[in-house]
Protein backbone atom coordinates (compact mmCIF):
# COMPACT_ATOMS: atom_id res chain seq x y z
CA MET A 1 88.77 45.56 47.85
CA CYS A 2 86.12 47.53 48.94
CA ILE A 3 86.43 50.57 51.33
CA ALA A 4 83.96 53.41 52.30
CA ASN A 5 84.20 57.23 50.94
CA ASP A 6 83.94 59.74 53.77
CA ASN A 7 80.45 59.85 53.26
CA GLY A 8 80.05 56.03 53.92
CA THR A 9 79.42 55.03 50.00
CA ALA A 10 81.67 52.32 48.45
CA ALA A 11 84.58 53.07 46.75
CA THR A 12 87.12 50.57 45.30
CA SER A 13 90.93 49.81 45.79
CA GLY A 14 93.15 47.43 43.95
CA SER A 15 96.75 47.38 42.22
CA SER A 16 95.69 47.64 39.04
CA THR A 17 95.64 50.97 37.35
CA GLU A 18 92.00 51.07 36.36
CA GLU A 19 91.00 50.00 39.84
CA THR A 20 92.81 52.98 40.93
CA GLU A 21 91.70 55.90 38.85
CA LEU A 22 90.62 58.98 40.77
CA LYS A 23 87.39 60.09 39.05
CA ARG A 24 86.37 64.18 38.47
CA ASP A 25 83.00 64.54 37.26
CA GLY A 26 83.19 61.41 35.35
CA GLU A 27 86.22 62.09 33.68
CA LYS A 28 88.98 59.68 34.97
CA PHE A 29 92.36 60.19 35.72
CA ALA A 30 94.83 57.28 35.63
CA ARG A 31 96.68 56.35 38.95
CA VAL A 32 101.06 55.76 38.87
CA SER A 33 101.70 52.53 37.54
CA LYS A 34 104.97 52.49 38.92
CA ARG A 35 107.27 52.68 42.63
CA PRO A 36 109.76 56.30 42.08
CA THR A 37 112.80 55.39 42.99
CA ASP A 38 113.51 59.61 43.32
CA PHE A 39 111.56 62.57 43.48
CA SER A 40 109.69 64.20 40.61
CA TRP A 41 111.92 67.15 39.87
CA ASN A 42 110.31 69.94 38.19
CA GLU A 43 112.12 72.97 36.64
CA ASP A 44 109.16 75.56 36.99
CA GLU A 45 108.06 77.00 39.85
CA GLU A 46 105.08 76.04 41.64
CA PRO A 47 102.15 76.12 40.01
CA HIS A 48 99.30 78.16 41.98
CA ALA A 49 100.82 81.69 42.02
CA GLU A 50 100.68 81.32 38.10
CA ARG A 51 96.84 79.89 38.16
CA ARG A 52 95.98 83.05 40.67
CA LYS A 53 96.85 85.70 38.03
CA GLN A 54 94.58 83.78 35.69
CA ILE A 55 91.32 83.44 38.09
CA LEU A 56 91.97 86.72 38.77
CA ALA A 57 91.90 88.15 35.81
CA LYS A 58 88.55 86.14 34.78
CA TYR A 59 87.21 86.88 38.29
CA PRO A 60 88.55 89.97 40.20
CA GLN A 61 85.70 89.32 42.56
CA ILE A 62 87.60 86.77 43.92
CA LYS A 63 89.24 89.48 45.87
CA GLU A 64 86.20 90.23 47.85
CA LEU A 65 86.42 87.12 49.69
CA TYR A 66 89.95 87.98 51.04
CA GLY A 67 90.04 88.17 54.76
CA HIS A 68 89.81 86.68 58.11
CA ASP A 69 86.40 84.75 59.54
CA PRO A 70 85.14 86.84 62.86
CA ASN A 71 83.43 83.48 63.79
CA ALA A 72 86.03 80.96 63.58
CA LYS A 73 87.80 82.28 66.89
CA PHE A 74 84.38 80.70 68.90
CA VAL A 75 85.18 78.00 67.00
CA VAL A 76 88.98 77.72 68.29
CA LEU A 77 86.96 78.43 71.92
CA LEU A 78 85.05 75.74 71.56
CA LEU A 79 87.34 73.17 70.74
CA VAL A 80 89.62 74.13 73.72
CA THR A 81 86.62 73.79 76.12
CA ILE A 82 85.24 70.75 75.22
CA GLN A 83 89.19 69.22 75.53
CA VAL A 84 89.69 70.39 78.88
CA THR A 85 86.03 69.12 80.03
CA THR A 86 86.34 65.77 78.58
CA ALA A 87 89.88 65.55 79.79
CA TYR A 88 88.75 65.76 83.32
CA TRP A 89 86.04 63.49 82.79
CA ALA A 90 88.43 61.22 80.80
CA LYS A 91 90.66 60.51 83.48
CA ASP A 92 88.27 58.90 85.33
CA GLN A 93 87.32 56.19 82.89
CA SER A 94 87.69 52.43 82.02
CA TRP A 95 90.71 51.92 79.86
CA PRO A 96 88.37 51.19 76.58
CA LEU A 97 86.74 54.60 77.30
CA PHE A 98 89.56 56.72 77.46
CA LEU A 99 91.34 55.29 74.52
CA LEU A 100 87.70 55.52 72.50
CA THR A 101 87.12 58.89 73.64
CA ALA A 102 91.00 59.91 73.06
CA TYR A 103 90.76 58.68 69.71
CA PHE A 104 87.30 59.88 68.54
CA ILE A 105 86.51 63.13 70.69
CA GLY A 106 90.45 64.36 71.77
CA GLY A 107 91.96 63.04 68.49
CA THR A 108 89.27 64.85 65.95
CA ALA A 109 89.31 67.92 68.28
CA ASN A 110 93.02 68.27 69.23
CA HIS A 111 93.10 68.13 65.46
CA MET A 112 90.70 70.49 64.36
CA LEU A 113 93.11 72.82 66.86
CA LEU A 114 95.95 72.35 64.46
CA LEU A 115 93.98 73.01 61.21
CA ALA A 116 93.36 76.32 63.50
CA MET A 117 96.72 77.21 63.93
CA HIS A 118 97.24 76.74 59.96
CA GLU A 119 94.23 79.29 59.31
CA VAL A 120 96.09 81.16 62.06
CA SER A 121 99.33 81.04 60.30
CA HIS A 122 97.34 82.97 57.27
CA ASN A 123 96.35 85.86 59.33
CA LEU A 124 92.84 84.62 58.62
CA MET A 125 91.39 84.67 62.21
CA ALA A 126 91.85 87.90 63.43
CA LYS A 127 92.36 91.56 61.03
CA LYS A 128 95.67 91.99 63.28
CA PRO A 129 98.52 89.76 62.98
CA LEU A 130 99.13 89.46 66.74
CA HIS A 131 95.57 88.92 67.68
CA ASN A 132 96.00 85.89 65.10
CA LYS A 133 98.98 85.06 67.70
CA LEU A 134 97.28 85.14 70.28
CA ILE A 135 94.67 82.58 68.83
CA GLY A 136 97.39 80.35 68.04
CA LEU A 137 98.88 80.59 71.16
CA PHE A 138 95.71 79.52 73.06
CA ALA A 139 93.94 76.97 70.13
CA ASN A 140 97.85 75.67 70.88
CA LEU A 141 97.02 74.61 74.42
CA PRO A 142 95.18 71.24 74.60
CA VAL A 143 97.56 70.05 71.67
CA GLY A 144 100.22 69.88 74.55
CA LEU A 145 103.07 70.66 72.46
CA PRO A 146 104.31 74.39 71.64
CA THR A 147 104.16 74.24 67.61
CA CYS A 148 101.91 76.97 65.99
CA ILE A 149 104.89 79.94 66.06
CA ALA A 150 107.40 77.49 64.21
CA PHE A 151 104.64 76.52 61.85
CA LYS A 152 104.04 79.72 60.35
CA ARG A 153 107.59 80.24 59.41
CA TYR A 154 107.74 77.16 58.18
CA HIS A 155 104.19 77.07 56.63
CA MET A 156 104.95 80.27 54.58
CA GLU A 157 108.10 78.88 53.34
CA HIS A 158 106.00 75.89 52.01
CA HIS A 159 103.39 78.25 50.39
CA ARG A 160 106.11 80.47 48.63
CA TYR A 161 108.39 78.02 47.31
CA GLN A 162 106.66 74.72 47.22
CA GLY A 163 108.68 71.17 46.80
CA GLU A 164 111.91 73.73 46.80
CA ASP A 165 114.73 71.43 47.92
CA GLY A 166 115.93 72.26 51.44
CA ILE A 167 113.57 74.66 51.59
CA ASP A 168 109.95 73.44 52.09
CA VAL A 169 110.36 70.78 54.87
CA ASP A 170 107.00 69.07 53.97
CA ILE A 171 108.21 66.28 51.97
CA GLN A 172 110.30 63.49 53.47
CA THR A 173 113.89 63.13 53.19
CA HIS A 174 115.77 60.36 52.05
CA ALA A 175 116.23 58.66 54.94
CA GLU A 176 112.87 58.56 55.79
CA VAL A 177 111.72 57.45 52.44
CA ASN A 178 114.18 54.49 52.44
CA PHE A 179 113.33 53.63 56.05
CA PHE A 180 109.63 53.55 55.20
CA ASN A 181 109.67 51.34 52.73
CA ASN A 182 106.99 48.37 52.89
CA THR A 183 103.67 48.09 53.84
CA PHE A 184 104.42 47.86 58.29
CA LYS A 185 106.63 50.73 58.23
CA LYS A 186 104.66 53.08 56.27
CA PHE A 187 101.90 52.32 58.99
CA PHE A 188 104.28 53.18 61.32
CA PHE A 189 105.41 56.49 59.71
CA VAL A 190 101.27 57.12 59.67
CA PHE A 191 100.89 56.72 63.01
CA PHE A 192 103.23 59.03 64.15
CA GLN A 193 103.95 61.03 61.25
CA VAL A 194 103.01 64.42 63.97
CA ALA A 195 106.59 63.21 65.13
CA PHE A 196 108.55 63.29 61.66
CA TYR A 197 106.24 66.70 60.38
CA ALA A 198 107.75 68.60 64.13
CA LEU A 199 111.43 66.99 63.89
CA ARG A 200 112.22 67.47 60.24
CA PRO A 201 112.67 71.12 59.81
CA LEU A 202 115.42 70.86 62.39
CA VAL A 203 117.55 68.77 59.72
CA VAL A 204 116.54 69.94 56.62
CA ASN A 205 116.10 73.79 57.59
CA PRO A 206 117.27 74.35 60.87
CA LYS A 207 115.71 78.35 62.42
CA LYS A 208 117.06 80.02 65.26
CA PRO A 209 113.92 80.51 67.56
CA GLY A 210 112.83 83.70 68.25
CA ILE A 211 111.19 85.32 71.20
CA TRP A 212 107.56 84.11 69.61
CA GLU A 213 109.04 80.19 70.11
CA PHE A 214 109.77 81.03 73.64
CA ILE A 215 106.28 82.59 74.56
CA ASN A 216 105.24 79.59 72.58
CA LEU A 217 106.64 77.25 74.44
CA ALA A 218 106.36 79.09 78.19
CA CYS A 219 102.55 78.90 77.65
CA SER A 220 102.38 75.51 76.77
CA ILE A 221 104.13 74.35 79.67
CA THR A 222 102.28 76.66 81.90
CA PHE A 223 99.19 74.92 80.70
CA ASP A 224 100.24 71.26 80.91
CA VAL A 225 101.54 71.88 84.18
CA ALA A 226 97.91 73.63 85.60
CA ILE A 227 96.34 70.56 84.24
CA TYR A 228 98.79 67.96 85.93
CA LYS A 229 98.28 69.83 89.12
CA SER A 230 94.74 70.47 88.66
CA MET A 231 93.51 67.44 86.99
CA GLY A 232 96.00 64.91 87.51
CA GLY A 233 98.46 62.90 84.88
CA TRP A 234 95.93 61.03 83.15
CA ALA A 235 94.09 64.09 82.01
CA LEU A 236 97.20 65.67 80.47
CA PHE A 237 97.36 62.28 79.08
CA TYR A 238 94.01 62.17 76.79
CA LEU A 239 95.30 65.66 75.50
CA LEU A 240 98.89 64.58 74.10
CA LEU A 241 97.20 61.01 73.40
CA GLY A 242 94.78 62.95 71.26
CA SER A 243 97.46 64.71 69.34
CA LEU A 244 99.21 61.43 68.34
CA LEU A 245 95.99 60.18 67.34
CA GLY A 246 94.29 62.39 65.71
CA ALA A 247 96.97 63.47 63.30
CA GLY A 248 98.72 59.81 62.78
CA MET A 249 95.53 57.01 62.04
CA HIS A 250 92.74 59.21 62.15
CA PRO A 251 90.15 59.95 58.86
CA VAL A 252 90.85 63.69 59.23
CA ALA A 253 95.10 63.55 59.19
CA GLY A 254 94.67 61.67 55.51
CA HIS A 255 94.85 65.09 54.37
CA PHE A 256 98.73 65.30 55.14
CA ILE A 257 98.97 62.38 53.09
CA ALA A 258 96.64 63.78 50.30
CA GLU A 259 97.40 67.24 49.51
CA HIS A 260 100.72 67.03 47.75
CA TYR A 261 101.58 63.33 47.62
CA VAL A 262 101.55 62.50 43.38
CA PHE A 263 98.78 59.53 42.82
CA VAL A 264 98.45 60.97 39.26
CA GLU A 265 101.97 61.88 37.41
CA GLY A 266 102.04 65.78 36.65
CA VAL A 267 99.79 66.51 39.24
CA GLU A 268 101.00 67.92 42.87
CA THR A 269 98.62 69.46 44.80
CA TYR A 270 94.86 67.30 45.19
CA SER A 271 92.03 68.51 46.72
CA TYR A 272 89.12 66.81 48.75
CA TYR A 273 85.99 68.29 48.57
CA GLY A 274 84.30 65.69 51.48
CA PRO A 275 82.63 66.09 54.69
CA LEU A 276 85.53 66.03 56.88
CA ASN A 277 85.72 69.43 55.81
CA ILE A 278 83.43 69.85 58.52
CA PHE A 279 86.38 68.91 61.07
CA ALA A 280 89.30 70.92 59.03
CA PHE A 281 88.16 74.67 58.32
CA ASN A 282 87.81 73.64 54.98
CA VAL A 283 91.34 72.48 54.19
CA GLY A 284 90.69 69.95 52.04
CA TYR A 285 89.84 72.62 49.13
CA HIS A 286 93.65 72.60 48.56
CA ASN A 287 94.35 73.66 45.43
CA GLU A 288 91.60 76.40 46.19
CA HIS A 289 93.98 77.39 49.40
CA HIS A 290 97.01 77.38 47.62
CA ASP A 291 95.68 79.74 44.57
CA PHE A 292 94.11 81.91 47.71
CA PRO A 293 95.84 81.21 51.13
CA PHE A 294 94.35 84.72 51.74
CA VAL A 295 90.88 83.57 51.60
CA ALA A 296 89.37 81.65 54.83
CA GLY A 297 88.71 78.21 54.82
CA LYS A 298 84.78 79.44 55.09
CA ASN A 299 85.10 81.11 51.57
CA LEU A 300 87.49 78.35 50.04
CA PRO A 301 84.05 76.81 48.21
CA LYS A 302 83.03 79.90 47.12
CA VAL A 303 86.40 80.25 45.32
CA ARG A 304 85.68 76.89 43.84
CA GLU A 305 82.46 77.89 42.84
CA ILE A 306 83.30 81.04 41.03
CA ALA A 307 86.02 79.79 39.33
CA SER A 308 84.72 76.35 38.84
CA GLU A 309 86.09 75.66 35.61
CA PHE A 310 89.81 75.98 36.97
CA TYR A 311 89.28 73.60 38.81
CA ASP A 312 86.98 70.91 37.74
CA ASN A 313 89.82 69.37 35.44
CA ILE A 314 92.31 68.73 38.23
CA PRO A 315 92.17 64.90 40.06
CA ASP A 316 90.43 65.14 43.80
CA HIS A 317 90.51 63.07 46.74
CA LYS A 318 87.14 61.35 47.16
CA SER A 319 88.27 59.96 50.89
CA TRP A 320 91.20 60.86 52.74
CA THR A 321 90.60 57.84 54.80
CA LYS A 322 91.31 55.65 51.04
CA VAL A 323 94.13 58.00 50.98
CA ILE A 324 95.77 56.42 54.25
CA ILE A 325 94.57 53.02 53.04
CA ASP A 326 96.47 53.81 49.87
CA TYR A 327 99.79 55.29 50.82
CA ILE A 328 100.41 52.25 52.89
CA PHE A 329 99.14 49.68 51.06
CA ASP A 330 99.87 50.57 47.57
CA THR A 331 103.35 49.85 46.72
CA ASN A 332 103.81 52.43 43.90
CA ILE A 333 102.79 55.15 46.35
CA CYS A 334 105.93 56.33 49.05
CA GLY A 335 107.79 59.19 50.29
CA TYR A 336 109.30 59.82 46.72
CA SER A 337 105.74 60.55 45.71
CA ARG A 338 106.44 64.25 45.69
CA VAL A 339 107.49 66.92 43.25
CA LYS A 340 110.46 68.64 44.00
CA ARG A 341 112.54 71.74 42.34
CA LYS A 342 115.73 73.80 42.59
CA VAL A 343 114.40 77.00 41.62
CA LEU A 344 116.42 79.12 44.21
CA SER A 345 120.19 79.34 43.36
CA GLU A 346 122.34 78.63 46.47
CA LYS A 347 122.71 82.36 47.54
CA GLU A 348 118.87 82.32 47.74
CA THR A 349 118.41 79.19 49.38
CA GLN A 350 121.55 80.15 52.14
CA LYS A 351 119.84 83.11 52.64
CA LEU A 352 116.05 81.61 53.55
CA LYS A 353 117.84 79.17 56.12
CA SER A 354 119.32 82.26 58.02
CA GLN A 355 115.95 83.84 58.54
């Protein structure tokens, strides 16, 4: 089957190893050839801290890239303005135009705001943590549901304890894997994956909410009520639908699967260097991001350029759209296509869960 890369060029997809190879600068990496029946368990710690040490030993100048992007907050302001303005306009349109607008404009903008919250979680939009929180709360408004504060708590653990059993909530549970076990169900999972990402932490690693979670909740409710009172229910529905569509069957949402699902044996993190990074604060540079989480998305391509030999031999994805299609239709890729580890002691795990 022939599908398009994110830049519009053709790419092949099929069931055989030869047809589903990932390529990097001419080198081929064989895809997984059988469906896993359990997670891939690894006894080593996550790989990014060690590679960061190696890269900094050779290229200490990368530390000059550390720090926030002072212009990113203006992108957030623009996106929020676009969403509020479009919600006001879309409420009076026909159903077909409403749905197309919710998908292409609302989905893209709200997903980009979700990734702005990702930048904020690393304090990469302002110098002070408080200012990052405030930017995150503002970015969260058009999304419709409070996410930015809780996301930061879980995302920091995802970086520090990538794949750690019971801690990293980025990985599907056994129940999810066993239920979403065929093409139709995997389509359903991708379409509603934002809901599973939101609910999974409550099962795997529940945390007691703090004052900032309640502030986040209050801001979201106040904004939603204001939109409903001033523009009507369809305007609010446009924003909520944009979040659902933008985080589901949407090209930019392919990064959810592309980042850590195992498409090549022994590789647990994958980058994507294509044009959709424009709408994603360069989150596609995912190996670079995990290696250097203190570098703003704007500067991640510079990390790749400086330390290219460390990344040249790591397979990367050419298309987020193709990743979604492969996940749904390739029987060898499923929820078990993830690396997990049990490095922490039971005491350490319980301590993290209680925080």
